[in-house]
Amino acid sequence: MLTIESTLCEINPVVDLKPAKPQVSQNETTLSDAEVFRRVAEIRSGWSVDERVERRMEADRRFERLMDMLTEPSEQ
């Protein structure tokens, strides 16, 4: 996203195309890869075997659809 700044005291506005600074809330922190992995492992540990199998099958279906979409010839 780009920001546009203009100077009102000039006849022609000055356009400054600088990347906008991302707005981050004050309490938001960046998680390390290890922390993300730990949290995912904690969530997965509560899944039953049947739920794990169903989630794996759904992930496989989604991946297959994605690959189909990416390998289809584009219409131009």
PDB file of N, CA and C in Angstrom:
ATOM      1  N   MET A   1       0.845  -1.160   0.000  1.00  0.00           N
ATOM      2  CA  MET A   1       0.000   0.000   0.000  1.00  0.00           C
ATOM      3  C   MET A   1       0.899   1.234   0.000  1.00  0.00           C
ATOM      4  N   LEU A   2       0.537   2.231  -0.772  1.00  0.00           N
ATOM      5  CA  LEU A   2       1.319   3.448  -0.870  1.00  0.00           C
ATOM      6  C   LEU A   2       0.550   4.598  -0.246  1.00  0.00           C
ATOM      7  N   THR A   3       1.286   5.582   0.274  1.00  0.00           N
ATOM      8  CA  THR A   3       0.654   6.779   0.815  1.00  0.00           C
ATOM      9  C   THR A   3       0.896   7.927  -0.150  1.00  0.00           C
ATOM     10  N   ILE A   4      -0.027   8.836  -0.178  1.00  0.00           N
ATOM     11  CA  ILE A   4       0.114  10.024  -1.020  1.00  0.00           C
ATOM     12  C   ILE A   4       0.050  11.237  -0.103  1.00  0.00           C
ATOM     13  N   GLU A   5       1.107  12.029  -0.108  1.00  0.00           N
ATOM     14  CA  GLU A   5       1.144  13.240   0.703  1.00  0.00           C
ATOM     15  C   GLU A   5       1.146  14.439  -0.241  1.00  0.00           C
ATOM     16  N   SER A   6       0.386  15.459   0.097  1.00  0.00           N
ATOM     17  CA  SER A   6       0.386  16.661  -0.736  1.00  0.00           C
ATOM     18  C   SER A   6       0.619  17.884   0.142  1.00  0.00           C
ATOM     19  N   THR A   7       1.188  18.891  -0.452  1.00  0.00           N
ATOM     20  CA  THR A   7       1.438  20.146   0.236  1.00  0.00           C
ATOM     21  C   THR A   7       0.381  21.144  -0.213  1.00  0.00           C
ATOM     22  N   LEU A   8      -0.404  21.650   0.736  1.00  0.00           N
ATOM     23  CA  LEU A   8      -1.509  22.543   0.389  1.00  0.00           C
ATOM     24  C   LEU A   8      -1.059  23.939   0.020  1.00  0.00           C
ATOM     25  N   CYS A   9       0.123  24.356   0.435  1.00  0.00           N
ATOM     26  CA  CYS A   9       0.560  25.716   0.154  1.00  0.00           C
ATOM     27  C   CYS A   9       1.084  25.878  -1.268  1.00  0.00           C
ATOM     28  N   GLU A  10       1.223  24.804  -1.998  1.00  0.00           N
ATOM     29  CA  GLU A  10       1.671  24.888  -3.374  1.00  0.00           C
ATOM     30  C   GLU A  10       0.486  24.724  -4.312  1.00  0.00           C
ATOM     31  N   ILE A  11       0.623  25.235  -5.514  1.00  0.00           N
ATOM     32  CA  ILE A  11      -0.440  25.108  -6.509  1.00  0.00           C
ATOM     33  C   ILE A  11      -0.575  23.666  -6.962  1.00  0.00           C
ATOM     34  N   ASN A  12       0.545  23.007  -7.248  1.00  0.00           N
ATOM     35  CA  ASN A  12       0.535  21.608  -7.665  1.00  0.00           C
ATOM     36  C   ASN A  12       0.855  20.724  -6.466  1.00  0.00           C
ATOM     37  N   PRO A  13       0.049  19.706  -6.230  1.00  0.00           N
ATOM     38  CA  PRO A  13       0.329  18.834  -5.086  1.00  0.00           C
ATOM     39  C   PRO A  13       1.608  18.022  -5.321  1.00  0.00           C
ATOM     40  N   VAL A  14       2.303  17.756  -4.253  1.00  0.00           N
ATOM     41  CA  VAL A  14       3.496  16.927  -4.294  1.00  0.00           C
ATOM     42  C   VAL A  14       3.060  15.508  -3.941  1.00  0.00           C
ATOM     43  N   VAL A  15       3.348  14.596  -4.816  1.00  0.00           N
ATOM     44  CA  VAL A  15       2.965  13.208  -4.577  1.00  0.00           C
ATOM     45  C   VAL A  15       4.205  12.443  -4.147  1.00  0.00           C
ATOM     46  N   ASP A  16       4.134  11.862  -2.973  1.00  0.00           N
ATOM     47  CA  ASP A  16       5.250  11.095  -2.441  1.00  0.00           C
ATOM     48  C   ASP A  16       4.793   9.649  -2.307  1.00  0.00           C
ATOM     49  N   LEU A  17       5.299   8.776  -3.164  1.00  0.00           N
ATOM     50  CA  LEU A  17       4.878   7.387  -3.165  1.00  0.00           C
ATOM     51  C   LEU A  17       5.830   6.557  -2.317  1.00  0.00           C
ATOM     52  N   LYS A  18       5.594   6.586  -1.021  1.00  0.00           N
ATOM     53  CA  LYS A  18       6.388   5.803  -0.091  1.00  0.00           C
ATOM     54  C   LYS A  18       5.523   4.654   0.418  1.00  0.00           C
ATOM     55  N   PRO A  19       6.125   3.516   0.664  1.00  0.00           N
ATOM     56  CA  PRO A  19       5.329   2.445   1.255  1.00  0.00           C
ATOM     57  C   PRO A  19       4.744   2.890   2.588  1.00  0.00           C
ATOM     58  N   ALA A  20       3.474   2.588   2.802  1.00  0.00           N
ATOM     59  CA  ALA A  20       2.840   2.950   4.055  1.00  0.00           C
ATOM     60  C   ALA A  20       3.372   2.058   5.168  1.00  0.00           C
ATOM     61  N   LYS A  21       3.512   2.626   6.344  1.00  0.00           N
ATOM     62  CA  LYS A  21       3.962   1.832   7.477  1.00  0.00           C
ATOM     63  C   LYS A  21       2.797   0.970   7.952  1.00  0.00           C
ATOM     64  N   PRO A  22       3.043  -0.313   8.162  1.00  0.00           N
ATOM     65  CA  PRO A  22       1.952  -1.172   8.623  1.00  0.00           C
ATOM     66  C   PRO A  22       1.503  -0.738  10.014  1.00  0.00           C
ATOM     67  N   GLN A  23       0.203  -0.749  10.232  1.00  0.00           N
ATOM     68  CA  GLN A  23      -0.330  -0.382  11.531  1.00  0.00           C
ATOM     69  C   GLN A  23      -0.392  -1.636  12.390  1.00  0.00           C
ATOM     70  N   VAL A  24       0.317  -1.595  13.496  1.00  0.00           N
ATOM     71  CA  VAL A  24       0.372  -2.725  14.406  1.00  0.00           C
ATOM     72  C   VAL A  24      -0.176  -2.262  15.744  1.00  0.00           C
ATOM     73  N   SER A  25      -1.080  -3.046  16.299  1.00  0.00           N
ATOM     74  CA  SER A  25      -1.612  -2.666  17.596  1.00  0.00           C
ATOM     75  C   SER A  25      -0.509  -2.745  18.641  1.00  0.00           C
ATOM     76  N   GLN A  26      -0.683  -2.018  19.716  1.00  0.00           N
ATOM     77  CA  GLN A  26       0.366  -1.924  20.724  1.00  0.00           C
ATOM     78  C   GLN A  26       0.645  -3.250  21.419  1.00  0.00           C
ATOM     79  N   ASN A  27      -0.353  -4.108  21.518  1.00  0.00           N
ATOM     80  CA  ASN A  27      -0.145  -5.362  22.228  1.00  0.00           C
ATOM     81  C   ASN A  27       0.188  -6.524  21.298  1.00  0.00           C
ATOM     82  N   GLU A  28       0.381  -6.266  20.023  1.00  0.00           N
ATOM     83  CA  GLU A  28       0.693  -7.324  19.068  1.00  0.00           C
ATOM     84  C   GLU A  28       2.197  -7.587  19.076  1.00  0.00           C
ATOM     85  N   THR A  29       2.559  -8.864  19.164  1.00  0.00           N
ATOM     86  CA  THR A  29       3.964  -9.231  19.140  1.00  0.00           C
ATOM     87  C   THR A  29       4.202 -10.222  18.008  1.00  0.00           C
ATOM     88  N   THR A  30       5.411 -10.252  17.520  1.00  0.00           N
ATOM     89  CA  THR A  30       5.786 -11.190  16.472  1.00  0.00           C
ATOM     90  C   THR A  30       6.207 -12.492  17.135  1.00  0.00           C
ATOM     91  N   LEU A  31       5.599 -13.592  16.692  1.00  0.00           N
ATOM     92  CA  LEU A  31       5.913 -14.893  17.261  1.00  0.00           C
ATOM     93  C   LEU A  31       7.063 -15.540  16.511  1.00  0.00           C
ATOM     94  N   SER A  32       7.897 -16.242  17.238  1.00  0.00           N
ATOM     95  CA  SER A  32       8.981 -16.980  16.600  1.00  0.00           C
ATOM     96  C   SER A  32       8.408 -18.244  15.975  1.00  0.00           C
ATOM     97  N   ASP A  33       9.165 -18.838  15.067  1.00  0.00           N
ATOM     98  CA  ASP A  33       8.737 -20.098  14.454  1.00  0.00           C
ATOM     99  C   ASP A  33       8.542 -21.173  15.512  1.00  0.00           C
ATOM    100  N   ALA A  34       9.423 -21.187  16.498  1.00  0.00           N
ATOM    101  CA  ALA A  34       9.338 -22.191  17.565  1.00  0.00           C
ATOM    102  C   ALA A  34       8.046 -22.028  18.370  1.00  0.00           C
ATOM    103  N   GLU A  35       7.662 -20.782  18.644  1.00  0.00           N
ATOM    104  CA  GLU A  35       6.431 -20.536  19.400  1.00  0.00           C
ATOM    105  C   GLU A  35       5.203 -20.942  18.595  1.00  0.00           C
ATOM    106  N   VAL A  36       5.196 -20.648  17.301  1.00  0.00           N
ATOM    107  CA  VAL A  36       4.080 -21.056  16.443  1.00  0.00           C
ATOM    108  C   VAL A  36       3.979 -22.581  16.420  1.00  0.00           C
ATOM    109  N   PHE A  37       5.120 -23.247  16.253  1.00  0.00           N
ATOM    110  CA  PHE A  37       5.137 -24.712  16.241  1.00  0.00           C
ATOM    111  C   PHE A  37       4.619 -25.270  17.562  1.00  0.00           C
ATOM    112  N   ARG A  38       5.044 -24.681  18.681  1.00  0.00           N
ATOM    113  CA  ARG A  38       4.594 -25.135  19.991  1.00  0.00           C
ATOM    114  C   ARG A  38       3.082 -25.011  20.136  1.00  0.00           C
ATOM    115  N   ARG A  39       2.534 -23.876  19.695  1.00  0.00           N
ATOM    116  CA  ARG A  39       1.090 -23.666  19.797  1.00  0.00           C
ATOM    117  C   ARG A  39       0.307 -24.623  18.907  1.00  0.00           C
ATOM    118  N   VAL A  40       0.797 -24.852  17.693  1.00  0.00           N
ATOM    119  CA  VAL A  40       0.136 -25.790  16.782  1.00  0.00           C
ATOM    120  C   VAL A  40       0.166 -27.199  17.368  1.00  0.00           C
ATOM    121  N   ALA A  41       1.318 -27.591  17.905  1.00  0.00           N
ATOM    122  CA  ALA A  41       1.445 -28.926  18.504  1.00  0.00           C
ATOM    123  C   ALA A  41       0.488 -29.084  19.679  1.00  0.00           C
ATOM    124  N   GLU A  42       0.325 -28.023  20.461  1.00  0.00           N
ATOM    125  CA  GLU A  42      -0.596 -28.068  21.601  1.00  0.00           C
ATOM    126  C   GLU A  42      -2.040 -28.245  21.128  1.00  0.00           C
ATOM    127  N   ILE A  43      -2.416 -27.541  20.072  1.00  0.00           N
ATOM    128  CA  ILE A  43      -3.773 -27.672  19.532  1.00  0.00           C
ATOM    129  C   ILE A  43      -3.988 -29.066  18.974  1.00  0.00           C
ATOM    130  N   ARG A  44      -3.025 -29.552  18.192  1.00  0.00           N
ATOM    131  CA  ARG A  44      -3.159 -30.873  17.573  1.00  0.00           C
ATOM    132  C   ARG A  44      -3.203 -32.000  18.602  1.00  0.00           C
ATOM    133  N   SER A  45      -2.578 -31.798  19.745  1.00  0.00           N
ATOM    134  CA  SER A  45      -2.536 -32.858  20.753  1.00  0.00           C
ATOM    135  C   SER A  45      -3.927 -33.180  21.291  1.00  0.00           C
ATOM    136  N   GLY A  46      -4.864 -32.252  21.137  1.00  0.00           N
ATOM    137  CA  GLY A  46      -6.228 -32.491  21.602  1.00  0.00           C
ATOM    138  C   GLY A  46      -7.118 -33.164  20.571  1.00  0.00           C
ATOM    139  N   TRP A  47      -6.618 -33.417  19.393  1.00  0.00           N
ATOM    140  CA  TRP A  47      -7.416 -34.026  18.334  1.00  0.00           C
ATOM    141  C   TRP A  47      -7.445 -35.542  18.500  1.00  0.00           C
ATOM    142  N   SER A  48      -8.594 -36.125  18.223  1.00  0.00           N
ATOM    143  CA  SER A  48      -8.688 -37.583  18.210  1.00  0.00           C
ATOM    144  C   SER A  48      -8.057 -38.109  16.920  1.00  0.00           C
ATOM    145  N   VAL A  49      -7.830 -39.423  16.882  1.00  0.00           N
ATOM    146  CA  VAL A  49      -7.256 -40.044  15.682  1.00  0.00           C
ATOM    147  C   VAL A  49      -8.188 -39.823  14.494  1.00  0.00           C
ATOM    148  N   ASP A  50      -9.497 -39.989  14.701  1.00  0.00           N
ATOM    149  CA  ASP A  50     -10.454 -39.784  13.610  1.00  0.00           C
ATOM    150  C   ASP A  50     -10.413 -38.347  13.097  1.00  0.00           C
ATOM    151  N   GLU A  51     -10.299 -37.399  14.017  1.00  0.00           N
ATOM    152  CA  GLU A  51     -10.235 -35.991  13.601  1.00  0.00           C
ATOM    153  C   GLU A  51      -8.952 -35.722  12.814  1.00  0.00           C
ATOM    154  N   ARG A  52      -7.849 -36.309  13.236  1.00  0.00           N
ATOM    155  CA  ARG A  52      -6.593 -36.134  12.499  1.00  0.00           C
ATOM    156  C   ARG A  52      -6.708 -36.690  11.089  1.00  0.00           C
ATOM    157  N   VAL A  53      -7.318 -37.867  10.958  1.00  0.00           N
ATOM    158  CA  VAL A  53      -7.488 -38.495   9.644  1.00  0.00           C
ATOM    159  C   VAL A  53      -8.370 -37.611   8.765  1.00  0.00           C
ATOM    160  N   GLU A  54      -9.486 -37.124   9.313  1.00  0.00           N
ATOM    161  CA  GLU A  54     -10.400 -36.276   8.539  1.00  0.00           C
ATOM    162  C   GLU A  54      -9.717 -34.976   8.115  1.00  0.00           C
ATOM    163  N   ARG A  55      -8.962 -34.366   9.000  1.00  0.00           N
ATOM    164  CA  ARG A  55      -8.250 -33.126   8.658  1.00  0.00           C
ATOM    165  C   ARG A  55      -7.194 -33.372   7.579  1.00  0.00           C
ATOM    166  N   ARG A  56      -6.502 -34.505   7.652  1.00  0.00           N
ATOM    167  CA  ARG A  56      -5.491 -34.837   6.642  1.00  0.00           C
ATOM    168  C   ARG A  56      -6.148 -35.046   5.285  1.00  0.00           C
ATOM    169  N   MET A  57      -7.303 -35.733   5.278  1.00  0.00           N
ATOM    170  CA  MET A  57      -8.011 -35.966   4.017  1.00  0.00           C
ATOM    171  C   MET A  57      -8.499 -34.645   3.420  1.00  0.00           C
ATOM    172  N   GLU A  58      -9.015 -33.759   4.262  1.00  0.00           N
ATOM    173  CA  GLU A  58      -9.475 -32.450   3.777  1.00  0.00           C
ATOM    174  C   GLU A  58      -8.300 -31.637   3.243  1.00  0.00           C
ATOM    175  N   ALA A  59      -7.167 -31.682   3.917  1.00  0.00           N
ATOM    176  CA  ALA A  59      -5.976 -30.962   3.433  1.00  0.00           C
ATOM    177  C   ALA A  59      -5.537 -31.508   2.079  1.00  0.00           C
ATOM    178  N   ASP A  60      -5.587 -32.825   1.924  1.00  0.00           N
ATOM    179  CA  ASP A  60      -5.226 -33.437   0.639  1.00  0.00           C
ATOM    180  C   ASP A  60      -6.176 -33.003  -0.474  1.00  0.00           C
ATOM    181  N   ARG A  61      -7.486 -32.952  -0.162  1.00  0.00           N
ATOM    182  CA  ARG A  61      -8.472 -32.507  -1.166  1.00  0.00           C
ATOM    183  C   ARG A  61      -8.216 -31.060  -1.573  1.00  0.00           C
ATOM    184  N   ARG A  62      -7.963 -30.202  -0.594  1.00  0.00           N
ATOM    185  CA  ARG A  62      -7.694 -28.791  -0.894  1.00  0.00           C
ATOM    186  C   ARG A  62      -6.424 -28.629  -1.723  1.00  0.00           C
ATOM    187  N   PHE A  63      -5.395 -29.385  -1.381  1.00  0.00           N
ATOM    188  CA  PHE A  63      -4.143 -29.306  -2.129  1.00  0.00           C
ATOM    189  C   PHE A  63      -4.359 -29.767  -3.569  1.00  0.00           C
ATOM    190  N   GLU A  64      -5.114 -30.844  -3.744  1.00  0.00           N
ATOM    191  CA  GLU A  64      -5.398 -31.361  -5.088  1.00  0.00           C
ATOM    192  C   GLU A  64      -6.155 -30.314  -5.925  1.00  0.00           C
ATOM    193  N   ARG A  65      -7.151 -29.657  -5.313  1.00  0.00           N
ATOM    194  CA  ARG A  65      -7.894 -28.599  -6.029  1.00  0.00           C
ATOM    195  C   ARG A  65      -6.970 -27.442  -6.399  1.00  0.00           C
ATOM    196  N   LEU A  66      -6.090 -27.073  -5.485  1.00  0.00           N
ATOM    197  CA  LEU A  66      -5.142 -25.992  -5.760  1.00  0.00           C
ATOM    198  C   LEU A  66      -4.241 -26.359  -6.927  1.00  0.00           C
ATOM    199  N   MET A  67      -3.706 -27.562  -6.918  1.00  0.00           N
ATOM    200  CA  MET A  67      -2.824 -27.989  -8.005  1.00  0.00           C
ATOM    201  C   MET A  67      -3.581 -28.033  -9.327  1.00  0.00           C
ATOM    202  N   ASP A  68      -4.835 -28.483  -9.306  1.00  0.00           N
ATOM    203  CA  ASP A  68      -5.648 -28.477 -10.523  1.00  0.00           C
ATOM    204  C   ASP A  68      -5.825 -27.072 -11.069  1.00  0.00           C
ATOM    205  N   MET A  69      -6.110 -26.121 -10.169  1.00  0.00           N
ATOM    206  CA  MET A  69      -6.302 -24.729 -10.609  1.00  0.00           C
ATOM    207  C   MET A  69      -5.007 -24.159 -11.175  1.00  0.00           C
ATOM    208  N   LEU A  70      -3.886 -24.491 -10.597  1.00  0.00           N
ATOM    209  CA  LEU A  70      -2.615 -23.925 -11.035  1.00  0.00           C
ATOM    210  C   LEU A  70      -2.112 -24.547 -12.331  1.00  0.00           C
ATOM    211  N   THR A  71      -2.532 -25.767 -12.614  1.00  0.00           N
ATOM    212  CA  THR A  71      -2.044 -26.440 -13.810  1.00  0.00           C
ATOM    213  C   THR A  71      -3.012 -26.367 -14.998  1.00  0.00           C
ATOM    214  N   GLU A  72      -4.214 -25.800 -14.758  1.00  0.00           N
ATOM    215  CA  GLU A  72      -5.153 -25.626 -15.868  1.00  0.00           C
ATOM    216  C   GLU A  72      -4.615 -24.580 -16.821  1.00  0.00           C
ATOM    217  N   PRO A  73      -4.771 -24.802 -18.112  1.00  0.00           N
ATOM    218  CA  PRO A  73      -4.325 -23.763 -19.065  1.00  0.00           C
ATOM    219  C   PRO A  73      -5.181 -22.502 -18.901  1.00  0.00           C
ATOM    220  N   SER A  74      -4.536 -21.364 -18.914  1.00  0.00           N
ATOM    221  CA  SER A  74      -5.281 -20.122 -18.752  1.00  0.00           C
ATOM    222  C   SER A  74      -5.967 -19.768 -20.073  1.00  0.00           C
ATOM    223  N   GLU A  75      -7.144 -19.179 -19.937  1.00  0.00           N
ATOM    224  CA  GLU A  75      -7.912 -18.758 -21.121  1.00  0.00           C
ATOM    225  C   GLU A  75      -7.547 -17.322 -21.471  1.00  0.00           C
ATOM    226  N   GLN A  76      -6.977 -17.122 -22.640  1.00  0.00           N
ATOM    227  CA  GLN A  76      -6.603 -15.756 -23.043  1.00  0.00           C
ATOM    228  C   GLN A  76      -7.074 -15.446 -24.406  1.00  0.00           C
TER     229      GLN A  76
END
